[in-house]
Amino acid sequence: MKNFMNNMKKIKIAFIYKENNVFLLGNHFDNTYFHFFMEELRKDESIIVTDFPTKEIFDASILKNKFDII
């Protein structure tokens, strides 16, 4: 099975989020979003997650044709 996974194309994900999002900091009482987006999603060997923490404005033109999912 591992050989099959090595031959598959990896899915490239651009994860854009506000850098001070309380749910993604890991110290909020409700850590559901944090555990899914920052930990569990990244455990899948067929997925590559690239973080783009932002303040207010994000120039999405830097993502052009580099990611499968935004």
Protein backbone atom coordinates (compact mmCIF):
# COMPACT_ATOMS: atom_id res chain seq x y z
CA MET A 1 0.00 0.00 0.00
CA LYS A 2 2.85 2.38 0.80
CA ASN A 3 4.28 1.94 -2.70
CA PHE A 4 0.89 2.88 -4.15
CA MET A 5 0.85 6.03 -2.00
CA ASN A 6 4.33 7.01 -3.18
CA ASN A 7 3.19 6.89 -6.82
CA MET A 8 0.13 9.07 -6.23
CA LYS A 9 0.22 12.79 -6.89
CA LYS A 10 0.10 14.68 -3.61
CA ILE A 11 -2.73 17.15 -3.12
CA LYS A 12 -1.40 20.66 -2.50
CA ILE A 13 -3.53 22.76 -0.16
CA ALA A 14 -3.14 26.49 0.51
CA PHE A 15 -4.52 27.14 3.99
CA ILE A 16 -5.27 30.87 4.35
CA TYR A 17 -6.30 32.11 7.76
CA LYS A 18 -6.19 35.22 9.90
CA GLU A 19 -3.05 34.94 12.02
CA ASN A 20 -4.80 35.89 15.26
CA ASN A 21 -7.74 33.48 14.81
CA VAL A 22 -8.36 32.35 18.38
CA PHE A 23 -9.59 28.92 17.22
CA LEU A 24 -6.31 28.15 15.40
CA LEU A 25 -3.87 29.20 18.14
CA GLY A 26 -4.18 25.94 20.07
CA ASN A 27 -4.96 27.45 23.46
CA HIS A 28 -8.71 28.14 23.17
CA PHE A 29 -11.12 25.97 25.18
CA ASP A 30 -12.63 24.75 21.88
CA ASN A 31 -9.70 23.33 19.91
CA THR A 32 -11.68 21.43 17.27
CA TYR A 33 -10.54 23.65 14.37
CA PHE A 34 -6.97 23.66 15.64
CA HIS A 35 -6.72 19.87 15.91
CA PHE A 36 -8.25 19.30 12.47
CA PHE A 37 -6.51 22.00 10.40
CA MET A 38 -3.18 22.23 12.21
CA GLU A 39 -2.63 18.60 13.21
CA GLU A 40 -4.84 15.86 11.75
CA LEU A 41 -5.05 17.11 8.15
CA ARG A 42 -1.25 17.19 7.98
CA LYS A 43 -0.89 13.55 9.04
CA ASP A 44 -2.19 12.32 5.68
CA GLU A 45 0.84 11.47 3.53
CA SER A 46 -1.03 12.30 0.32
CA ILE A 47 -1.59 15.93 1.35
CA ILE A 48 0.81 18.88 1.49
CA VAL A 49 -0.54 21.83 3.49
CA THR A 50 1.06 25.26 3.16
CA ASP A 51 0.02 27.88 5.70
CA PHE A 52 -0.68 31.48 4.77
CA PRO A 53 -1.43 33.37 7.99
CA THR A 54 -2.62 36.87 7.15
CA LYS A 55 -3.31 40.14 8.92
CA GLU A 56 -6.02 41.91 6.92
CA ILE A 57 -5.36 41.69 3.18
CA PHE A 58 -4.07 38.66 1.29
CA ASP A 59 -2.80 38.84 -2.29
CA ALA A 60 -4.07 35.57 -3.75
CA SER A 61 -2.13 36.08 -6.98
CA ILE A 62 0.87 34.34 -5.35
CA LEU A 63 -1.18 31.13 -5.33
CA LYS A 64 -1.75 31.03 -9.09
CA ASN A 65 -1.44 27.48 -10.44
CA LYS A 66 0.53 26.26 -7.41
CA PHE A 67 -2.25 24.65 -5.36
CA ASP A 68 -5.05 22.16 -5.95
CA ILE A 69 -7.24 23.42 -3.09
CA ILE A 70 -7.46 26.86 -1.50
